[in-house]
């Protein structure tokens, strides 16, 4: 019955007939059922992708994703943020948001960094953390303890969204982006996240995500997109930043020329290999990177500090971030994380290999 129902809704979508809220909700719930054939789910996702979705439908998918996740509620005080992007910008950049999350956490902000392996880029946040020694298979209790004691945890998406494993395989076989490429960053499994920074690589989705998230339970949401196509704030071009707060939308242009960062060329922030990405990400956390790469992490740390209520604007955030990377605090935070949730010997070896211990 469920298979036939999903097929019926797929036919309606293809025929451009209206599908009401209840029908859409039921259809999305069905794709998470084990007994539904892969081909039926693939047809539904393909139809939905080519027809497109509206903000309410995106919100429904987000709500169902969170309902189906392994939710956690760490006992912490103060702001709890996440910074995560859609990926897929094909910019050959390093793990900018990951580095920014560590530096921001070093300020005292609690960060529940939600992430996954790379789908199209050189290195995803999960790939980076695994390479330097983090145990991606750690129990949920370990992640909770890490948040409560260190103020930081990495939440590996497949661990907290186990029902997505099958859907991921179907999506890869489809060979094109679906709604789930957009939905991941919206579905942090922490029930007490207060604010989020969400990077969006395609500007056409800014209004869609804004409308879907405007009435979320989050205190603040920052949507960021660089005009040269990155799911970050960038020092290589002007940027769009949309701030959602109390049911209101504020859209602003972020021009690096007007901030305390140097305008860079795209090639100055690009990397060529997995090892280059890991080395660069660590260098920016440790405050030892070339200025262009350091500045893009500083800029994205600044917006994370705004989300965490440590800075009132980007200029103040940039100033705080610069002081942090001059100190040993971000490196200490990262080492504490790997010591608690992984194998510190791996990070020791990488620090030596990349000569990160010398000033």
Protein backbone atom coordinates (compact mmCIF):
# COMPACT_ATOMS: atom_id res chain seq x y z
CA UNK A 1 0.00 0.00 0.00
CA UNK A 2 2.79 2.42 0.90
CA UNK A 3 4.60 1.72 -2.38
CA UNK A 4 1.47 2.39 -4.40
CA UNK A 5 0.81 5.58 -2.43
CA UNK A 6 4.31 6.91 -3.13
CA UNK A 7 3.96 6.02 -6.82
CA UNK A 8 0.65 7.88 -6.94
CA UNK A 9 2.21 11.03 -5.44
CA UNK A 10 5.12 10.74 -7.86
CA UNK A 11 2.71 10.65 -10.80
CA UNK A 12 0.93 13.73 -9.46
CA UNK A 13 4.20 15.61 -9.19
CA UNK A 14 5.24 14.64 -12.72
CA UNK A 15 1.84 15.70 -14.02
CA UNK A 16 2.26 19.04 -12.22
CA UNK A 17 -0.86 18.42 -10.17
CA UNK A 18 -1.16 19.90 -6.70
CA UNK A 19 0.03 17.73 -3.83
CA UNK A 20 -1.36 18.92 -0.50
CA UNK A 21 0.45 19.10 2.84
CA UNK A 22 -0.87 15.78 4.15
CA UNK A 23 -0.02 13.96 0.93
CA UNK A 24 3.49 15.41 0.85
CA UNK A 25 4.08 14.62 4.54
CA UNK A 26 2.92 11.04 4.07
CA UNK A 27 5.09 10.61 0.98
CA UNK A 28 8.24 11.86 2.72
CA UNK A 29 7.57 9.58 5.70
CA UNK A 30 7.21 6.63 3.33
CA UNK A 31 10.66 7.08 1.76
CA UNK A 32 12.18 6.24 5.15
CA UNK A 33 10.39 2.86 5.27
CA UNK A 34 12.61 -0.19 4.72
CA UNK A 35 10.07 -2.07 2.62
CA UNK A 36 9.82 0.55 -0.14
CA UNK A 37 11.83 -0.40 -3.27
CA UNK A 38 14.82 1.77 -4.12
CA UNK A 39 13.40 2.43 -7.59
CA UNK A 40 10.18 3.87 -6.16
CA UNK A 41 12.09 6.20 -3.84
CA UNK A 42 14.42 7.24 -6.67
CA UNK A 43 11.46 8.09 -8.90
CA UNK A 44 9.90 10.25 -6.18
CA UNK A 45 13.17 12.11 -5.50
CA UNK A 46 13.78 12.67 -9.20
CA UNK A 47 10.25 14.00 -9.76
CA UNK A 48 10.53 16.28 -6.74
CA UNK A 49 13.91 17.59 -7.85
CA UNK A 50 12.80 18.53 -11.34
CA UNK A 51 9.51 20.06 -10.22
CA UNK A 52 11.08 21.89 -7.29
CA UNK A 53 9.79 22.39 -3.75
CA UNK A 54 8.42 25.31 -1.82
CA UNK A 55 9.45 26.56 1.62
CA UNK A 56 6.70 24.71 3.46
CA UNK A 57 7.71 21.43 1.83
CA UNK A 58 11.35 22.05 2.76
CA UNK A 59 10.25 22.65 6.34
CA UNK A 60 8.25 19.39 6.32
CA UNK A 61 11.29 17.42 5.11
CA UNK A 62 13.43 19.07 7.81
CA UNK A 63 10.90 18.24 10.53
CA UNK A 64 10.67 14.60 9.43
CA UNK A 65 14.47 14.31 9.21
CA UNK A 66 14.85 15.59 12.77
CA UNK A 67 12.06 13.29 14.00
CA UNK A 68 13.93 10.33 12.51
CA UNK A 69 17.33 11.35 13.91
CA UNK A 70 19.05 10.24 17.09
CA UNK A 71 18.47 13.45 19.02
CA UNK A 72 20.70 14.59 21.88
CA UNK A 73 20.18 17.24 24.57
CA UNK A 74 23.51 18.14 26.20
CA UNK A 75 23.32 19.93 29.53
CA UNK A 76 25.07 23.19 28.84
CA UNK A 77 24.53 26.86 29.56
CA UNK A 78 24.83 29.71 27.13
CA UNK A 79 24.67 29.71 23.36
CA UNK A 80 25.05 26.47 21.42
CA UNK A 81 25.74 26.93 17.72
CA UNK A 82 26.45 25.02 14.55
CA UNK A 83 28.09 26.19 11.33
CA UNK A 84 27.53 23.92 8.37
CA UNK A 85 27.24 24.39 4.63
CA UNK A 86 25.49 22.66 1.77
CA UNK A 87 28.79 21.96 0.03
CA UNK A 88 28.86 21.36 -3.68
CA UNK A 89 30.46 24.71 -4.52
CA UNK A 90 33.35 22.99 -6.36
CA UNK A 91 35.69 25.73 -5.13
CA UNK A 92 38.63 23.44 -4.17
CA UNK A 93 38.80 25.17 -0.82
CA UNK A 94 39.96 23.62 2.46
CA UNK A 95 37.74 22.90 5.50
CA UNK A 96 36.96 26.55 6.20
CA UNK A 97 33.85 26.13 8.35
CA UNK A 98 35.54 23.37 10.36
CA UNK A 99 38.52 25.59 11.16
CA UNK A 100 36.17 28.47 11.99
CA UNK A 101 34.16 26.25 14.34
CA UNK A 102 37.27 25.34 16.36
CA UNK A 103 38.48 28.95 16.57
CA UNK A 104 35.01 30.13 17.58
CA UNK A 105 34.79 27.43 20.23
CA UNK A 106 38.10 28.65 21.65
CA UNK A 107 36.28 31.88 22.57
CA UNK A 108 34.03 29.95 24.96
CA UNK A 109 31.09 29.36 22.62
CA UNK A 110 29.55 25.89 22.67
CA UNK A 111 29.70 24.35 19.18
CA UNK A 112 27.88 21.22 17.97
CA UNK A 113 29.52 20.87 14.57
CA UNK A 114 27.28 18.81 12.30
CA UNK A 115 29.02 17.39 9.25
CA UNK A 116 29.69 14.59 6.83
CA UNK A 117 32.21 13.24 4.37
CA UNK A 118 32.74 15.15 1.17
CA UNK A 119 30.24 14.43 -1.59
CA UNK A 120 31.93 16.46 -4.33
CA UNK A 121 34.86 18.39 -2.87
CA UNK A 122 38.37 17.34 -1.88
CA UNK A 123 37.70 16.96 1.84
CA UNK A 124 34.63 17.10 4.08
CA UNK A 125 34.60 17.97 7.76
CA UNK A 126 34.28 14.28 8.71
CA UNK A 127 37.23 13.36 6.47
CA UNK A 128 39.36 16.03 8.15
CA UNK A 129 38.49 14.98 11.69
CA UNK A 130 38.97 11.29 10.95
CA UNK A 131 42.38 11.92 9.40
CA UNK A 132 43.66 13.76 12.50
CA UNK A 133 42.42 11.08 14.89
CA UNK A 134 38.77 11.70 15.78
CA UNK A 135 36.66 8.55 16.21
CA UNK A 136 33.63 9.06 13.96
CA UNK A 137 31.98 5.96 15.42
CA UNK A 138 32.07 7.22 19.01
CA UNK A 139 28.89 6.63 21.04
CA UNK A 140 26.37 9.43 21.29
CA UNK A 141 27.15 9.60 25.01
CA UNK A 142 30.75 10.54 24.18
CA UNK A 143 29.59 13.38 21.95
CA UNK A 144 27.30 14.63 24.69
CA UNK A 145 30.11 14.46 27.26
CA UNK A 146 32.43 16.31 24.89
CA UNK A 147 29.90 19.12 24.50
CA UNK A 148 29.29 19.32 28.23
CA UNK A 149 32.98 19.31 29.24
CA UNK A 150 34.83 20.85 26.28
CA UNK A 151 32.07 22.93 24.71
CA UNK A 152 32.66 21.23 21.36
CA UNK A 153 31.60 18.06 19.61
CA UNK A 154 31.61 16.81 16.05
CA UNK A 155 28.30 15.17 15.14
CA UNK A 156 28.90 12.79 12.23
CA UNK A 157 25.70 12.98 10.18
CA UNK A 158 25.37 9.23 9.33
CA UNK A 159 25.70 8.39 13.02
CA UNK A 160 22.84 10.68 14.02
CA UNK A 161 20.73 10.18 10.89
CA UNK A 162 21.03 6.41 10.30
CA UNK A 163 18.02 6.26 7.98
CA UNK A 164 19.86 8.48 5.52
CA UNK A 165 22.39 5.72 4.77
CA UNK A 166 20.06 3.99 2.31
CA UNK A 167 18.89 7.28 0.82
CA UNK A 168 22.52 8.33 0.28
CA UNK A 169 23.09 5.27 -1.88
CA UNK A 170 19.97 6.00 -3.92
CA UNK A 171 20.98 9.63 -4.38
CA UNK A 172 24.47 8.67 -5.59
CA UNK A 173 22.98 6.32 -8.17
CA UNK A 174 20.68 9.10 -9.40
CA UNK A 175 23.73 11.15 -10.29
CA UNK A 176 22.28 14.60 -9.62
CA UNK A 177 21.55 16.79 -6.63
CA UNK A 178 18.27 16.31 -4.78
CA UNK A 179 16.52 18.09 -1.92
CA UNK A 180 18.70 16.15 0.51
CA UNK A 181 21.79 18.02 -0.64
CA UNK A 182 20.13 21.12 0.78
CA UNK A 183 18.45 19.65 3.85
CA UNK A 184 21.46 18.23 5.71
CA UNK A 185 22.77 21.50 7.20
CA UNK A 186 19.27 22.31 8.49
CA UNK A 187 19.00 19.15 10.61
CA UNK A 188 21.40 19.35 13.54
CA UNK A 189 20.35 16.58 15.98
CA UNK A 190 20.96 18.74 19.08
CA UNK A 191 17.58 19.72 20.51
CA UNK A 192 18.96 22.81 22.24
CA UNK A 193 20.87 24.50 19.41
CA UNK A 194 20.32 28.24 19.81
CA UNK A 195 21.76 29.59 16.55
CA UNK A 196 23.12 28.40 13.24
CA UNK A 197 25.35 29.61 10.45
CA UNK A 198 24.25 27.90 7.23
CA UNK A 199 26.37 28.19 4.12
CA UNK A 200 24.54 27.98 0.78
CA UNK A 201 26.50 27.44 -2.41
CA UNK A 202 23.68 28.32 -4.83
CA UNK A 203 22.13 31.76 -4.33
CA UNK A 204 18.78 30.65 -5.79
CA UNK A 205 18.15 28.71 -2.58
CA UNK A 206 18.70 31.64 -0.20
CA UNK A 207 15.07 32.77 -0.21
CA UNK A 208 13.79 29.18 -0.05
CA UNK A 209 15.85 28.32 3.03
CA UNK A 210 15.10 31.70 4.60
CA UNK A 211 11.34 31.12 4.28
CA UNK A 212 11.64 27.56 5.59
CA UNK A 213 13.72 28.55 8.63
CA UNK A 214 12.13 31.88 9.55
CA UNK A 215 9.82 30.31 12.14
CA UNK A 216 12.22 27.67 13.46
CA UNK A 217 12.88 27.43 17.19
CA UNK A 218 16.36 28.90 16.74
CA UNK A 219 17.20 32.25 18.25
CA UNK A 220 19.16 33.35 15.18
CA UNK A 221 19.98 31.91 11.78
CA UNK A 222 22.69 33.32 9.52
CA UNK A 223 22.56 32.29 5.87
CA UNK A 224 25.78 33.05 3.99
CA UNK A 225 26.76 32.89 0.32
CA UNK A 226 29.64 34.42 -1.59
CA UNK A 227 28.86 35.92 -4.97
CA UNK A 228 31.63 33.83 -6.54
CA UNK A 229 29.73 30.70 -5.53
CA UNK A 230 31.01 29.53 -2.14
CA UNK A 231 28.92 28.30 0.80
CA UNK A 232 30.94 30.58 3.08
CA UNK A 233 31.61 34.23 3.59
CA UNK A 234 34.59 34.91 1.36
CA UNK A 235 37.41 37.43 1.11
CA UNK A 236 37.49 36.80 -2.66
CA UNK A 237 34.21 38.56 -3.52
CA UNK A 238 31.20 40.34 -2.09
CA UNK A 239 28.81 38.18 -0.09
CA UNK A 240 25.16 37.91 0.84
CA UNK A 241 24.27 37.40 4.51
CA UNK A 242 20.67 36.90 5.55
CA UNK A 243 19.91 37.08 9.28
CA UNK A 244 16.71 35.51 10.61
CA UNK A 245 15.62 36.58 14.08
CA UNK A 246 12.24 36.84 15.81
CA UNK A 247 10.34 36.22 12.60
CA UNK A 248 12.18 39.01 10.79
CA UNK A 249 14.54 38.81 7.81
CA UNK A 250 17.51 41.15 7.39
CA UNK A 251 19.46 40.88 4.16
CA UNK A 252 22.83 42.55 3.86
CA UNK A 253 25.82 42.66 1.56
CA UNK A 254 29.16 41.80 3.11
CA UNK A 255 31.99 43.45 1.19
CA UNK A 256 35.46 42.36 2.33
CA UNK A 257 36.82 45.71 1.15
CA UNK A 258 34.94 47.34 4.01
CA UNK A 259 36.25 44.92 6.66
CA UNK A 260 39.60 44.27 8.31
CA UNK A 261 40.56 41.56 5.82
CA UNK A 262 42.52 41.78 2.60
CA UNK A 263 40.70 41.03 -0.65
CA UNK A 264 42.18 37.87 -2.14
CA UNK A 265 42.08 35.98 -5.41
CA UNK A 266 40.21 32.67 -5.53
CA UNK A 267 43.40 30.70 -6.23
CA UNK A 268 44.93 32.05 -3.01
CA UNK A 269 42.44 30.07 -0.89
CA UNK A 270 42.41 26.91 -2.99
CA UNK A 271 44.16 23.64 -2.27
CA UNK A 272 45.32 20.83 -4.54
CA UNK A 273 45.08 17.61 -2.54
CA UNK A 274 43.70 15.94 0.57
CA UNK A 275 46.96 16.43 2.47
CA UNK A 276 47.17 20.06 1.38
CA UNK A 277 43.62 20.57 2.71
CA UNK A 278 44.44 18.99 6.07
CA UNK A 279 47.67 20.96 6.42
CA UNK A 280 45.98 24.24 5.50
CA UNK A 281 43.02 23.64 7.83
CA UNK A 282 45.37 22.98 10.75
CA UNK A 283 47.55 25.97 9.89
CA UNK A 284 44.54 28.29 9.99
CA UNK A 285 43.46 26.87 13.36
CA UNK A 286 46.99 27.33 14.70
CA UNK A 287 47.38 30.85 13.24
CA UNK A 288 50.21 29.83 10.90
CA UNK A 289 48.64 30.09 7.47
CA UNK A 290 49.17 32.46 4.57
CA UNK A 291 47.13 35.64 5.05
CA UNK A 292 44.44 34.95 2.42
CA UNK A 293 43.57 31.54 3.88
CA UNK A 294 43.85 32.84 7.43
CA UNK A 295 41.54 35.74 6.62
CA UNK A 296 38.74 33.61 5.19
CA UNK A 297 38.74 31.55 8.39
CA UNK A 298 38.82 34.77 10.44
CA UNK A 299 35.80 36.07 8.48
CA UNK A 300 33.78 32.90 9.01
CA UNK A 301 34.80 32.73 12.65
CA UNK A 302 33.43 36.26 13.00
CA UNK A 303 29.93 35.27 11.88
CA UNK A 304 30.07 32.23 14.19
CA UNK A 305 30.95 34.58 17.05
CA UNK A 306 27.90 36.68 16.16
CA UNK A 307 25.74 33.55 16.24
CA UNK A 308 27.20 32.68 19.62
CA UNK A 309 26.60 36.21 20.93
CA UNK A 310 30.29 36.90 21.46
CA UNK A 311 30.35 39.68 18.85
CA UNK A 312 27.77 42.27 17.87
CA UNK A 313 28.98 42.65 14.28
CA UNK A 314 31.54 41.28 11.84
CA UNK A 315 34.22 43.86 12.62
CA UNK A 316 34.13 43.00 16.31
CA UNK A 317 34.12 39.30 15.45
CA UNK A 318 37.14 39.70 13.19
CA UNK A 319 39.05 41.46 15.95
CA UNK A 320 38.24 38.70 18.47
CA UNK A 321 39.09 35.97 15.96
CA UNK A 322 42.48 37.52 15.19
CA UNK A 323 43.39 37.54 18.87
CA UNK A 324 42.29 33.92 19.21
CA UNK A 325 44.47 32.61 16.38
CA UNK A 326 47.45 34.49 17.80
CA UNK A 327 47.06 32.45 20.96
CA UNK A 328 47.43 28.71 21.57
CA UNK A 329 43.76 28.43 22.55
CA UNK A 330 42.34 26.99 19.29
CA UNK A 331 45.13 24.39 19.10
CA UNK A 332 44.53 23.46 22.74
CA UNK A 333 40.80 23.10 22.05
CA UNK A 334 41.46 20.81 19.08
CA UNK A 335 43.92 18.66 21.02
CA UNK A 336 41.50 18.32 23.93
CA UNK A 337 38.82 17.19 21.48
CA UNK A 338 41.00 14.52 19.86
CA UNK A 339 42.31 13.36 23.25
CA UNK A 340 38.76 12.90 24.54
CA UNK A 341 37.17 11.50 21.38
CA UNK A 342 39.92 9.80 19.42
CA UNK A 343 43.61 9.05 19.04
CA UNK A 344 45.85 11.98 19.94
CA UNK A 345 48.91 10.15 18.59
CA UNK A 346 47.56 10.70 15.07
CA UNK A 347 47.40 14.44 15.61
CA UNK A 348 50.86 14.41 17.22
CA UNK A 349 52.29 12.70 14.14
CA UNK A 350 50.56 15.10 11.74
CA UNK A 351 51.75 18.15 13.66
CA UNK A 352 55.32 16.86 13.34
CA UNK A 353 54.92 15.93 9.68
CA UNK A 354 53.62 19.38 8.78
CA UNK A 355 56.06 21.20 11.11
CA UNK A 356 53.20 22.85 13.00
CA UNK A 357 54.99 23.00 16.34
CA UNK A 358 57.56 25.62 15.39
CA UNK A 359 56.83 29.32 15.71
